[in-house]
Amino acid sequence: MARGGRDGQAAGLRGGDLLGKACRGLGRGEPPPADRGPGARRARGNRTGRIFTGDRSGDWLFASLYRTGFAVQETSVHAGDGQRLVGARMLASVRCAPPANKPLPEEKAACYPWLQREIELVADSVRVVVALGGYAWQAMWPALKDAGYGLPRSRPPFGHGVEVPVAYGESQVTLIGCYHPSQQNTFTGRVTAQMLDDIFHRAANIAK
């Protein structure tokens, strides 16, 4: 599955070459994960060497993480630019650039064990999980379960600001839904900078 995009996947990227590499998570080894997005941030993370780096959605995300204390810089350009997360970790449910930005079932299945294992490795210190977008929300439920989390019997529908209590052993953890800062969402006003900041401020308050 470690490959670049197909069908013009690289079109519109800001400089550089598309790398056929899987994009790993970013952040401390023992964090409360700040967020989870769908696809490595697609081709951009595969090209720049860092998740959510190299496109406008990443610009929005890192700016919000910086404003809310989860990142040391407002921007993320490439893997060696000095950016780092503070008390947080980013995970990707699909780690390579999917064709037409739509991961195939076999691609999701190929990446799933890595997602589940990464969640499991940091579970002892996690207090909040923010799922960016509906796909991330859906992907998180089986991954949390297989990583040893206790989940409610019914799965609430995804929505911005939706909070669901889950548990890891005796620790209480909160799963929060957040609209994805895609260009479609930010251009139409469905997602604003304040909306992102509110989610991450809420996550910080819960994690205290």
N, C-alpha and C. Protein backbone atom coordinates (compact mmCIF):
# COMPACT_ATOMS: atom_id res chain seq x y z
N MET A 1 0.80 -1.20 0.00
CA MET A 1 0.00 0.00 0.00
C MET A 1 0.84 1.26 0.00
N ALA A 2 2.13 1.17 0.17
CA ALA A 2 2.97 2.35 0.22
C ALA A 2 3.22 2.84 -1.20
N ARG A 3 2.37 3.74 -1.64
CA ARG A 3 2.47 4.22 -3.01
C ARG A 3 1.90 5.61 -3.11
N GLY A 4 2.22 6.29 -4.20
CA GLY A 4 1.67 7.61 -4.42
C GLY A 4 0.29 7.52 -5.01
N GLY A 5 -0.25 8.70 -5.37
CA GLY A 5 -1.62 8.74 -5.86
C GLY A 5 -1.73 8.31 -7.30
N ARG A 6 -2.96 8.08 -7.73
CA ARG A 6 -3.26 7.74 -9.11
C ARG A 6 -4.27 8.76 -9.63
N ASP A 7 -4.55 8.69 -10.92
CA ASP A 7 -5.61 9.50 -11.53
C ASP A 7 -5.44 10.98 -11.23
N GLY A 8 -4.20 11.48 -11.40
CA GLY A 8 -3.98 12.90 -11.18
C GLY A 8 -3.99 13.30 -9.72
N GLN A 9 -3.72 12.38 -8.84
CA GLN A 9 -3.77 12.67 -7.42
C GLN A 9 -2.83 13.79 -7.02
N ALA A 10 -1.70 13.92 -7.73
CA ALA A 10 -0.71 14.91 -7.33
C ALA A 10 -1.05 16.30 -7.83
N ALA A 11 -2.06 16.44 -8.65
CA ALA A 11 -2.39 17.74 -9.24
C ALA A 11 -2.72 18.75 -8.16
N GLY A 12 -2.18 19.94 -8.31
CA GLY A 12 -2.52 21.03 -7.41
C GLY A 12 -1.66 21.09 -6.15
N LEU A 13 -0.68 20.20 -6.02
CA LEU A 13 0.20 20.25 -4.86
C LEU A 13 1.19 21.39 -5.01
N ARG A 14 1.62 21.92 -3.87
CA ARG A 14 2.47 23.08 -3.90
C ARG A 14 3.95 22.69 -3.95
N GLY A 15 4.47 22.45 -5.14
CA GLY A 15 5.89 22.18 -5.31
C GLY A 15 6.29 20.81 -4.81
N GLY A 16 7.53 20.39 -5.11
CA GLY A 16 8.05 19.13 -4.60
C GLY A 16 7.54 17.94 -5.38
N ASP A 17 8.10 16.79 -5.09
CA ASP A 17 7.71 15.55 -5.76
C ASP A 17 6.83 14.72 -4.85
N LEU A 18 5.94 14.00 -5.46
CA LEU A 18 5.06 13.09 -4.71
C LEU A 18 5.84 11.84 -4.35
N LEU A 19 5.87 11.51 -3.08
CA LEU A 19 6.60 10.34 -2.62
C LEU A 19 5.65 9.18 -2.39
N GLY A 20 6.04 8.00 -2.82
CA GLY A 20 5.20 6.83 -2.61
C GLY A 20 5.48 6.19 -1.27
N LYS A 21 5.36 6.96 -0.21
CA LYS A 21 5.62 6.46 1.13
C LYS A 21 4.38 6.62 2.00
N ALA A 22 4.22 5.69 2.94
CA ALA A 22 3.15 5.84 3.92
C ALA A 22 3.51 6.95 4.89
N CYS A 23 2.50 7.67 5.35
CA CYS A 23 2.70 8.79 6.24
C CYS A 23 2.38 8.36 7.68
N ARG A 24 3.34 8.46 8.56
CA ARG A 24 3.15 8.01 9.93
C ARG A 24 2.52 9.12 10.78
N GLY A 25 2.17 8.75 12.02
CA GLY A 25 1.62 9.72 12.95
C GLY A 25 2.65 10.74 13.37
N LEU A 26 2.17 11.80 13.99
CA LEU A 26 3.03 12.90 14.44
C LEU A 26 2.70 13.22 15.87
N GLY A 27 3.72 13.40 16.70
CA GLY A 27 3.50 13.85 18.07
C GLY A 27 4.25 13.02 19.08
N ARG A 28 4.02 13.33 20.32
CA ARG A 28 4.68 12.65 21.42
C ARG A 28 4.29 11.18 21.48
N GLY A 29 5.16 10.39 22.07
CA GLY A 29 4.89 8.97 22.21
C GLY A 29 3.78 8.67 23.20
N GLU A 30 3.56 9.57 24.15
CA GLU A 30 2.52 9.35 25.14
C GLU A 30 1.67 10.61 25.28
N PRO A 31 0.80 10.89 24.26
CA PRO A 31 0.02 12.10 24.31
C PRO A 31 -1.44 11.84 24.49
N PRO A 32 -2.26 12.86 24.77
CA PRO A 32 -3.67 12.77 24.42
C PRO A 32 -3.78 13.16 22.95
N PRO A 33 -4.17 12.28 22.02
CA PRO A 33 -4.15 12.66 20.61
C PRO A 33 -4.99 13.90 20.35
N ALA A 34 -4.42 14.85 19.65
CA ALA A 34 -5.14 16.08 19.34
C ALA A 34 -6.18 15.83 18.27
N ASP A 35 -5.87 15.00 17.31
CA ASP A 35 -6.85 14.79 16.25
C ASP A 35 -6.53 13.58 15.42
N ARG A 36 -7.54 13.17 14.68
CA ARG A 36 -7.44 12.08 13.74
C ARG A 36 -8.09 12.52 12.44
N GLY A 37 -7.37 12.36 11.36
CA GLY A 37 -7.96 12.70 10.07
C GLY A 37 -7.99 11.49 9.17
N PRO A 38 -8.67 11.57 8.04
CA PRO A 38 -8.71 10.46 7.12
C PRO A 38 -7.47 10.36 6.29
N GLY A 39 -6.90 10.09 5.73
CA GLY A 39 -5.95 9.72 4.80
C GLY A 39 -4.57 10.23 4.81
N ALA A 40 -3.79 10.36 5.78
CA ALA A 40 -2.41 10.83 5.75
C ALA A 40 -2.32 12.28 5.37
N ARG A 41 -3.38 12.89 5.26
CA ARG A 41 -3.74 14.03 4.48
C ARG A 41 -3.32 13.78 3.06
N ARG A 42 -3.76 12.64 2.60
CA ARG A 42 -3.71 12.25 1.21
C ARG A 42 -2.31 12.45 0.65
N ALA A 43 -2.19 12.98 -0.57
CA ALA A 43 -0.88 13.03 -1.21
C ALA A 43 0.05 14.02 -0.53
N ARG A 44 -0.49 15.05 0.13
CA ARG A 44 0.36 16.09 0.68
C ARG A 44 1.28 15.54 1.75
N GLY A 45 0.77 14.76 2.69
CA GLY A 45 1.62 14.19 3.71
C GLY A 45 2.64 13.23 3.13
N ASN A 46 2.27 12.49 2.10
CA ASN A 46 3.21 11.58 1.46
C ASN A 46 4.34 12.36 0.79
N ARG A 47 4.07 13.57 0.33
CA ARG A 47 5.09 14.37 -0.35
C ARG A 47 5.99 15.09 0.63
N THR A 48 5.44 15.65 1.69
CA THR A 48 6.20 16.50 2.59
C THR A 48 6.85 15.73 3.73
N GLY A 49 6.42 14.49 3.97
CA GLY A 49 6.99 13.71 5.05
C GLY A 49 6.32 13.93 6.38
N ARG A 50 5.23 14.69 6.42
CA ARG A 50 4.51 14.92 7.67
C ARG A 50 3.01 14.94 7.41
N ILE A 51 2.28 14.32 8.29
CA ILE A 51 0.82 14.29 8.20
C ILE A 51 0.25 15.71 8.22
N PHE A 52 -0.80 15.93 7.44
CA PHE A 52 -1.51 17.21 7.38
C PHE A 52 -0.60 18.37 6.99
N THR A 53 0.38 18.13 6.14
CA THR A 53 1.32 19.18 5.77
C THR A 53 1.40 19.29 4.25
N GLY A 54 1.22 20.51 3.75
CA GLY A 54 1.36 20.75 2.32
C GLY A 54 0.09 21.12 1.61
N ASP A 55 -1.02 21.33 2.35
CA ASP A 55 -2.24 21.79 1.70
C ASP A 55 -2.99 22.73 2.63
N ARG A 56 -4.08 23.31 2.15
CA ARG A 56 -4.79 24.33 2.90
C ARG A 56 -5.45 23.78 4.17
N SER A 57 -5.91 22.54 4.11
CA SER A 57 -6.53 21.99 5.30
C SER A 57 -5.50 21.89 6.43
N GLY A 58 -4.28 21.51 6.08
CA GLY A 58 -3.22 21.48 7.07
C GLY A 58 -2.88 22.86 7.59
N ASP A 59 -2.91 23.87 6.71
CA ASP A 59 -2.67 25.24 7.16
C ASP A 59 -3.68 25.65 8.22
N TRP A 60 -4.93 25.34 7.97
CA TRP A 60 -5.98 25.66 8.94
C TRP A 60 -5.78 24.89 10.24
N LEU A 61 -5.46 23.62 10.12
CA LEU A 61 -5.35 22.78 11.30
C LEU A 61 -4.18 23.21 12.18
N PHE A 62 -3.00 23.37 11.61
CA PHE A 62 -1.85 23.73 12.43
C PHE A 62 -1.99 25.13 13.02
N ALA A 63 -2.61 26.05 12.29
CA ALA A 63 -2.84 27.38 12.85
C ALA A 63 -3.72 27.30 14.09
N SER A 64 -4.75 26.45 14.03
CA SER A 64 -5.64 26.30 15.18
C SER A 64 -4.92 25.60 16.33
N LEU A 65 -4.14 24.56 16.03
CA LEU A 65 -3.38 23.88 17.08
C LEU A 65 -2.40 24.83 17.75
N TYR A 66 -1.81 25.74 16.98
CA TYR A 66 -0.89 26.73 17.55
C TYR A 66 -1.63 27.70 18.46
N ARG A 67 -2.77 28.18 18.00
CA ARG A 67 -3.54 29.15 18.80
C ARG A 67 -4.03 28.54 20.10
N THR A 68 -4.27 27.23 20.10
CA THR A 68 -4.83 26.58 21.28
C THR A 68 -3.77 25.85 22.12
N GLY A 69 -2.49 26.02 21.77
CA GLY A 69 -1.42 25.50 22.60
C GLY A 69 -0.97 24.09 22.29
N PHE A 70 -1.46 23.50 21.20
CA PHE A 70 -1.08 22.13 20.86
C PHE A 70 0.09 22.05 19.88
N ALA A 71 0.57 23.17 19.35
CA ALA A 71 1.69 23.18 18.40
C ALA A 71 2.59 24.36 18.70
N VAL A 72 3.87 24.23 18.38
CA VAL A 72 4.83 25.28 18.70
C VAL A 72 4.96 26.30 17.57
N GLN A 73 4.44 25.99 16.40
CA GLN A 73 4.48 26.92 15.27
C GLN A 73 3.11 27.01 14.62
N GLU A 74 2.87 28.13 13.95
CA GLU A 74 1.58 28.35 13.31
C GLU A 74 1.46 27.62 11.99
N THR A 75 2.60 27.28 11.39
CA THR A 75 2.60 26.63 10.08
C THR A 75 3.37 25.32 10.12
N SER A 76 3.09 24.47 9.14
CA SER A 76 3.81 23.22 8.94
C SER A 76 4.11 23.10 7.46
N VAL A 77 5.40 23.09 7.12
CA VAL A 77 5.81 23.11 5.72
C VAL A 77 6.42 21.77 5.29
N HIS A 78 7.29 21.23 6.12
CA HIS A 78 7.91 19.95 5.82
C HIS A 78 8.39 19.33 7.13
N ALA A 79 8.86 18.09 7.06
CA ALA A 79 9.16 17.33 8.27
C ALA A 79 10.30 17.92 9.09
N GLY A 80 11.15 18.74 8.49
CA GLY A 80 12.29 19.27 9.22
C GLY A 80 12.20 20.75 9.55
N ASP A 81 11.00 21.30 9.61
CA ASP A 81 10.86 22.75 9.80
C ASP A 81 10.78 23.19 11.26
N GLY A 82 10.95 22.27 12.20
CA GLY A 82 10.91 22.62 13.61
C GLY A 82 9.54 22.51 14.26
N GLN A 83 8.52 22.23 13.48
CA GLN A 83 7.19 22.09 14.05
C GLN A 83 7.11 20.84 14.92
N ARG A 84 6.43 20.95 16.04
CA ARG A 84 6.16 19.79 16.87
C ARG A 84 4.88 20.03 17.64
N LEU A 85 4.24 18.95 18.02
CA LEU A 85 3.01 19.04 18.79
C LEU A 85 3.32 19.01 20.28
N VAL A 86 2.44 19.61 21.06
CA VAL A 86 2.62 19.70 22.51
C VAL A 86 1.50 18.91 23.18
N GLY A 87 1.85 17.80 23.83
CA GLY A 87 0.85 16.99 24.51
C GLY A 87 -0.20 16.44 23.58
N ALA A 88 0.17 16.14 22.36
CA ALA A 88 -0.81 15.70 21.37
C ALA A 88 -0.14 14.79 20.35
N ARG A 89 -0.97 14.04 19.63
CA ARG A 89 -0.49 13.20 18.54
C ARG A 89 -1.54 13.14 17.44
N MET A 90 -1.09 13.20 16.19
CA MET A 90 -1.96 13.04 15.03
C MET A 90 -1.83 11.62 14.50
N LEU A 91 -2.95 11.04 14.14
CA LEU A 91 -2.98 9.71 13.54
C LEU A 91 -3.73 9.78 12.22
N ALA A 92 -3.43 8.85 11.34
CA ALA A 92 -4.13 8.78 10.05
C ALA A 92 -4.74 7.40 9.88
N SER A 93 -5.98 7.37 9.45
CA SER A 93 -6.65 6.09 9.23
C SER A 93 -6.25 5.46 7.90
N VAL A 94 -5.86 6.27 6.92
CA VAL A 94 -5.31 5.78 5.66
C VAL A 94 -4.02 6.54 5.44
N ARG A 95 -2.92 5.84 5.26
CA ARG A 95 -1.61 6.46 5.35
C ARG A 95 -0.94 6.75 4.02
N CYS A 96 -1.56 6.40 2.93
CA CYS A 96 -1.02 6.72 1.62
C CYS A 96 -2.07 7.47 0.80
N ALA A 97 -1.64 8.08 -0.27
CA ALA A 97 -2.55 8.87 -1.10
C ALA A 97 -3.55 7.97 -1.80
N PRO A 98 -4.83 8.06 -1.47
CA PRO A 98 -5.82 7.19 -2.12
C PRO A 98 -6.21 7.75 -3.48
N PRO A 99 -6.63 6.90 -4.41
CA PRO A 99 -7.06 7.37 -5.73
C PRO A 99 -8.29 8.25 -5.62
N ALA A 100 -8.23 9.42 -6.27
CA ALA A 100 -9.36 10.35 -6.29
C ALA A 100 -9.80 10.76 -4.88
N ASN A 101 -8.86 10.73 -3.94
CA ASN A 101 -9.16 11.10 -2.55
C ASN A 101 -10.20 10.19 -1.90
N LYS A 102 -10.40 9.01 -2.45
CA LYS A 102 -11.39 8.08 -1.91
C LYS A 102 -10.72 6.74 -1.67
N PRO A 103 -10.32 6.45 -0.42
CA PRO A 103 -9.64 5.19 -0.15
C PRO A 103 -10.53 3.99 -0.43
N LEU A 104 -9.95 2.98 -1.07
CA LEU A 104 -10.67 1.76 -1.37
C LEU A 104 -10.78 0.90 -0.11
N PRO A 105 -11.75 -0.01 -0.05
CA PRO A 105 -11.88 -0.87 1.13
C PRO A 105 -10.59 -1.62 1.46
N GLU A 106 -9.88 -2.09 0.43
CA GLU A 106 -8.65 -2.83 0.70
C GLU A 106 -7.56 -1.91 1.24
N GLU A 107 -7.58 -0.64 0.85
CA GLU A 107 -6.61 0.32 1.40
C GLU A 107 -6.90 0.60 2.87
N LYS A 108 -8.16 0.76 3.19
CA LYS A 108 -8.54 0.96 4.59
C LYS A 108 -8.12 -0.25 5.42
N ALA A 109 -8.38 -1.43 4.90
CA ALA A 109 -8.06 -2.65 5.62
C ALA A 109 -6.55 -2.81 5.81
N ALA A 110 -5.77 -2.42 4.78
CA ALA A 110 -4.32 -2.54 4.88
C ALA A 110 -3.74 -1.61 5.94
N CYS A 111 -4.33 -0.44 6.10
CA CYS A 111 -3.82 0.54 7.06
C CYS A 111 -4.37 0.33 8.46
N TYR A 112 -5.49 -0.37 8.58
CA TYR A 112 -6.17 -0.47 9.87
C TYR A 112 -5.30 -1.01 11.00
N PRO A 113 -4.52 -2.10 10.80
CA PRO A 113 -3.71 -2.61 11.91
C PRO A 113 -2.73 -1.59 12.46
N TRP A 114 -2.21 -0.71 11.59
CA TRP A 114 -1.28 0.31 12.05
C TRP A 114 -2.00 1.37 12.88
N LEU A 115 -3.20 1.74 12.46
CA LEU A 115 -4.00 2.69 13.22
C LEU A 115 -4.33 2.12 14.60
N GLN A 116 -4.82 0.89 14.62
CA GLN A 116 -5.22 0.26 15.88
C GLN A 116 -4.02 0.14 16.82
N ARG A 117 -2.87 -0.25 16.28
CA ARG A 117 -1.69 -0.43 17.13
C ARG A 117 -1.19 0.90 17.66
N GLU A 118 -1.22 1.93 16.85
CA GLU A 118 -0.76 3.25 17.31
C GLU A 118 -1.67 3.76 18.43
N ILE A 119 -2.97 3.56 18.28
CA ILE A 119 -3.91 3.94 19.34
C ILE A 119 -3.61 3.16 20.62
N GLU A 120 -3.35 1.89 20.47
CA GLU A 120 -3.07 1.04 21.62
C GLU A 120 -1.81 1.47 22.35
N LEU A 121 -0.78 1.86 21.62
CA LEU A 121 0.50 2.22 22.21
C LEU A 121 0.42 3.48 23.07
N VAL A 122 -0.47 4.41 22.72
CA VAL A 122 -0.55 5.66 23.48
C VAL A 122 -1.76 5.70 24.42
N ALA A 123 -2.49 4.61 24.52
CA ALA A 123 -3.78 4.63 25.21
C ALA A 123 -3.68 4.99 26.69
N ASP A 124 -2.60 4.62 27.34
CA ASP A 124 -2.50 4.85 28.78
C ASP A 124 -2.60 6.32 29.17
N SER A 125 -2.18 7.22 28.28
CA SER A 125 -2.17 8.64 28.63
C SER A 125 -3.23 9.46 27.91
N VAL A 126 -4.04 8.83 27.09
CA VAL A 126 -5.04 9.56 26.31
C VAL A 126 -6.24 9.94 27.16
N ARG A 127 -6.68 11.18 27.03
CA ARG A 127 -7.88 11.64 27.70
C ARG A 127 -8.92 12.17 26.72
N VAL A 128 -8.47 12.60 25.55
CA VAL A 128 -9.38 13.17 24.54
C VAL A 128 -8.94 12.71 23.16
N VAL A 129 -9.91 12.38 22.32
CA VAL A 129 -9.66 12.08 20.91
C VAL A 129 -10.57 12.98 20.09
N VAL A 130 -10.00 13.71 19.14
CA VAL A 130 -10.78 14.55 18.23
C VAL A 130 -10.75 13.89 16.85
N ALA A 131 -11.92 13.55 16.34
CA ALA A 131 -12.03 12.92 15.02
C ALA A 131 -12.37 13.99 13.99
N LEU A 132 -11.48 14.20 13.04
CA LEU A 132 -11.69 15.22 12.01
C LEU A 132 -12.45 14.64 10.83
N GLY A 133 -13.72 14.91 10.77
CA GLY A 133 -14.54 14.47 9.65
C GLY A 133 -15.28 13.18 9.92
N GLY A 134 -16.30 12.94 9.11
CA GLY A 134 -17.15 11.78 9.28
C GLY A 134 -16.43 10.46 9.05
N TYR A 135 -15.49 10.42 8.11
CA TYR A 135 -14.77 9.17 7.88
C TYR A 135 -13.90 8.83 9.08
N ALA A 136 -13.23 9.82 9.62
CA ALA A 136 -12.41 9.59 10.82
C ALA A 136 -13.27 9.12 11.98
N TRP A 137 -14.47 9.71 12.10
CA TRP A 137 -15.40 9.31 13.16
C TRP A 137 -15.75 7.83 13.04
N GLN A 138 -16.06 7.40 11.83
CA GLN A 138 -16.42 6.00 11.62
C GLN A 138 -15.23 5.07 11.83
N ALA A 139 -14.05 5.49 11.38
CA ALA A 139 -12.87 4.64 11.50
C ALA A 139 -12.43 4.47 12.94
N MET A 140 -12.74 5.47 13.77
CA MET A 140 -12.25 5.45 15.13
C MET A 140 -12.92 4.39 15.99
N TRP A 141 -14.20 4.10 15.74
CA TRP A 141 -14.93 3.19 16.61
C TRP A 141 -14.34 1.78 16.66
N PRO A 142 -14.16 1.10 15.54
CA PRO A 142 -13.56 -0.24 15.63
C PRO A 142 -12.12 -0.20 16.12
N ALA A 143 -11.38 0.88 15.77
CA ALA A 143 -9.99 0.98 16.21
C ALA A 143 -9.91 1.13 17.73
N LEU A 144 -10.77 1.95 18.29
CA LEU A 144 -10.79 2.10 19.75
C LEU A 144 -11.16 0.78 20.43
N LYS A 145 -12.17 0.12 19.88
CA LYS A 145 -12.61 -1.15 20.47
C LYS A 145 -11.49 -2.17 20.46
N ASP A 146 -10.82 -2.32 19.32
CA ASP A 146 -9.76 -3.31 19.20
C ASP A 146 -8.52 -2.94 20.00
N ALA A 147 -8.39 -1.64 20.33
CA ALA A 147 -7.27 -1.20 21.16
C ALA A 147 -7.55 -1.35 22.65
N GLY A 148 -8.76 -1.83 22.98
CA GLY A 148 -9.08 -2.09 24.37
C GLY A 148 -9.97 -1.08 25.05
N TYR A 149 -10.55 -0.17 24.30
CA TYR A 149 -11.44 0.84 24.88
C TYR A 149 -12.84 0.26 25.08
N GLY A 150 -13.51 0.74 26.12
CA GLY A 150 -14.91 0.43 26.31
C GLY A 150 -15.77 1.49 25.66
N LEU A 151 -16.69 1.06 24.80
CA LEU A 151 -17.50 1.98 24.01
C LEU A 151 -18.97 1.85 24.38
N PRO A 152 -19.77 2.90 24.17
CA PRO A 152 -21.22 2.77 24.38
C PRO A 152 -21.82 1.79 23.39
N ARG A 153 -22.96 1.24 23.74
CA ARG A 153 -23.58 0.24 22.87
C ARG A 153 -24.00 0.81 21.52
N SER A 154 -24.53 2.02 21.52
CA SER A 154 -24.94 2.64 20.27
C SER A 154 -23.95 3.72 19.87
N ARG A 155 -23.75 3.85 18.57
CA ARG A 155 -22.80 4.83 18.04
C ARG A 155 -23.55 6.10 17.66
N PRO A 156 -23.32 7.22 18.33
CA PRO A 156 -23.99 8.47 17.97
C PRO A 156 -23.58 8.92 16.58
N PRO A 157 -24.46 9.59 15.86
CA PRO A 157 -24.08 10.10 14.54
C PRO A 157 -23.03 11.19 14.66
N PHE A 158 -22.21 11.31 13.64
CA PHE A 158 -21.16 12.32 13.62
C PHE A 158 -21.75 13.72 13.55
N GLY A 159 -21.11 14.64 14.21
CA GLY A 159 -21.48 16.05 14.15
C GLY A 159 -20.40 16.89 14.77
N HIS A 160 -20.36 18.15 14.42
CA HIS A 160 -19.35 19.05 14.97
C HIS A 160 -19.66 19.32 16.44
N GLY A 161 -18.71 19.01 17.31
CA GLY A 161 -18.90 19.23 18.73
C GLY A 161 -19.57 18.09 19.47
N VAL A 162 -19.95 17.02 18.77
CA VAL A 162 -20.54 15.86 19.43
C VAL A 162 -19.50 15.22 20.35
N GLU A 163 -19.88 14.94 21.58
CA GLU A 163 -18.98 14.32 22.55
C GLU A 163 -19.55 12.98 23.01
N VAL A 164 -18.67 11.99 23.06
CA VAL A 164 -19.07 10.65 23.49
C VAL A 164 -18.08 10.17 24.55
N PRO A 165 -18.56 9.78 25.72
CA PRO A 165 -17.65 9.23 26.73
C PRO A 165 -17.29 7.79 26.41
N VAL A 166 -16.00 7.49 26.42
CA VAL A 166 -15.51 6.13 26.28
C VAL A 166 -14.54 5.90 27.44
N ALA A 167 -14.00 4.71 27.56
CA ALA A 167 -13.12 4.42 28.69
C ALA A 167 -11.99 3.51 28.27
N TYR A 168 -10.85 3.69 28.92
CA TYR A 168 -9.73 2.77 28.75
C TYR A 168 -9.35 2.31 30.15
N GLY A 169 -9.74 1.11 30.50
CA GLY A 169 -9.57 0.65 31.87
C GLY A 169 -10.41 1.52 32.80
N GLU A 170 -9.77 2.11 33.79
CA GLU A 170 -10.46 2.99 34.71
C GLU A 170 -10.41 4.46 34.29
N SER A 171 -9.75 4.75 33.19
CA SER A 171 -9.61 6.12 32.71
C SER A 171 -10.77 6.52 31.82
N GLN A 172 -11.32 7.68 32.07
CA GLN A 172 -12.38 8.22 31.24
C GLN A 172 -11.78 9.01 30.08
N VAL A 173 -12.28 8.76 28.89
CA VAL A 173 -11.79 9.39 27.67
C VAL A 173 -12.98 9.97 26.93
N THR A 174 -12.80 11.12 26.29
CA THR A 174 -13.87 11.75 25.53
C THR A 174 -13.53 11.77 24.05
N LEU A 175 -14.43 11.26 23.22
CA LEU A 175 -14.30 11.33 21.77
C LEU A 175 -15.12 12.52 21.28
N ILE A 176 -14.49 13.42 20.54
CA ILE A 176 -15.15 14.64 20.06
C ILE A 176 -15.15 14.65 18.53
N GLY A 177 -16.30 14.92 17.93
CA GLY A 177 -16.38 15.08 16.49
C GLY A 177 -16.07 16.51 16.08
N CYS A 178 -15.40 16.66 14.95
CA CYS A 178 -15.04 17.99 14.44
C CYS A 178 -15.13 17.98 12.92
N TYR A 179 -15.81 18.97 12.36
CA TYR A 179 -15.83 19.07 10.90
C TYR A 179 -14.40 19.20 10.38
N HIS A 180 -14.15 18.58 9.25
CA HIS A 180 -12.82 18.61 8.65
C HIS A 180 -12.56 19.98 8.02
N PRO A 181 -11.34 20.55 8.21
CA PRO A 181 -11.04 21.85 7.60
C PRO A 181 -10.66 21.73 6.13
N SER A 182 -11.45 21.01 5.37
CA SER A 182 -11.21 20.90 3.93
C SER A 182 -11.51 22.23 3.26
N GLN A 183 -11.00 22.41 2.05
CA GLN A 183 -11.27 23.67 1.35
C GLN A 183 -12.76 23.84 1.10
N GLN A 184 -13.45 22.75 0.81
CA GLN A 184 -14.89 22.86 0.60
C GLN A 184 -15.58 23.39 1.85
N ASN A 185 -15.18 22.89 3.01
CA ASN A 185 -15.81 23.33 4.26
C ASN A 185 -15.41 24.75 4.65
N THR A 186 -14.13 25.09 4.45
CA THR A 186 -13.70 26.43 4.85
C THR A 186 -14.17 27.50 3.86
N PHE A 187 -14.20 27.18 2.57
CA PHE A 187 -14.67 28.15 1.58
C PHE A 187 -16.15 28.47 1.75
N THR A 188 -16.93 27.48 2.13
CA THR A 188 -18.37 27.68 2.27
C THR A 188 -18.77 28.19 3.64
N GLY A 189 -17.82 28.25 4.57
CA GLY A 189 -18.13 28.72 5.91
C GLY A 189 -18.69 27.66 6.84
N ARG A 190 -18.73 26.44 6.36
CA ARG A 190 -19.19 25.37 7.25
C ARG A 190 -18.23 25.19 8.42
N VAL A 191 -16.95 25.44 8.16
CA VAL A 191 -15.93 25.43 9.21
C VAL A 191 -15.25 26.79 9.25
N THR A 192 -15.16 27.36 10.42
CA THR A 192 -14.45 28.63 10.63
C THR A 192 -13.29 28.39 11.58
N ALA A 193 -12.37 29.35 11.62
CA ALA A 193 -11.24 29.25 12.52
C ALA A 193 -11.72 29.16 13.97
N GLN A 194 -12.75 29.92 14.29
CA GLN A 194 -13.26 29.90 15.66
C GLN A 194 -13.85 28.53 16.01
N MET A 195 -14.50 27.89 15.05
CA MET A 195 -15.07 26.57 15.31
C MET A 195 -13.97 25.56 15.63
N LEU A 196 -12.86 25.60 14.89
CA LEU A 196 -11.75 24.71 15.18
C LEU A 196 -11.15 25.02 16.55
N ASP A 197 -10.94 26.31 16.81
CA ASP A 197 -10.36 26.69 18.09
C ASP A 197 -11.23 26.24 19.26
N ASP A 198 -12.53 26.36 19.10
CA ASP A 198 -13.44 25.95 20.18
C ASP A 198 -13.30 24.46 20.49
N ILE A 199 -13.16 23.66 19.43
CA ILE A 199 -13.00 22.21 19.64
C ILE A 199 -11.71 21.91 20.40
N PHE A 200 -10.62 22.53 19.99
CA PHE A 200 -9.34 22.22 20.64
C PHE A 200 -9.23 22.85 22.02
N HIS A 201 -9.86 23.99 22.24
CA HIS A 201 -9.93 24.52 23.60
C HIS A 201 -10.71 23.56 24.50
N ARG A 202 -11.79 23.02 23.98
CA ARG A 202 -12.58 22.05 24.73
C ARG A 202 -11.75 20.81 25.05
N ALA A 203 -11.00 20.33 24.05
CA ALA A 203 -10.14 19.17 24.27
C ALA A 203 -9.10 19.45 25.34
N ALA A 204 -8.51 20.64 25.32
CA ALA A 204 -7.50 21.00 26.31
C ALA A 204 -8.09 21.05 27.71
N ASN A 205 -9.29 21.59 27.81
CA ASN A 205 -9.94 21.67 29.13
C ASN A 205 -10.27 20.28 29.70
N ILE A 206 -10.72 19.39 28.83
CA ILE A 206 -11.03 18.03 29.27
C ILE A 206 -9.77 17.30 29.71
N ALA A 207 -8.68 17.53 29.00
CA ALA A 207 -7.43 16.80 29.26
C ALA A 207 -6.69 17.27 30.49
N LYS A 208 -7.10 18.38 31.08
CA LYS A 208 -6.39 18.92 32.25
C LYS A 208 -6.42 17.93 33.41
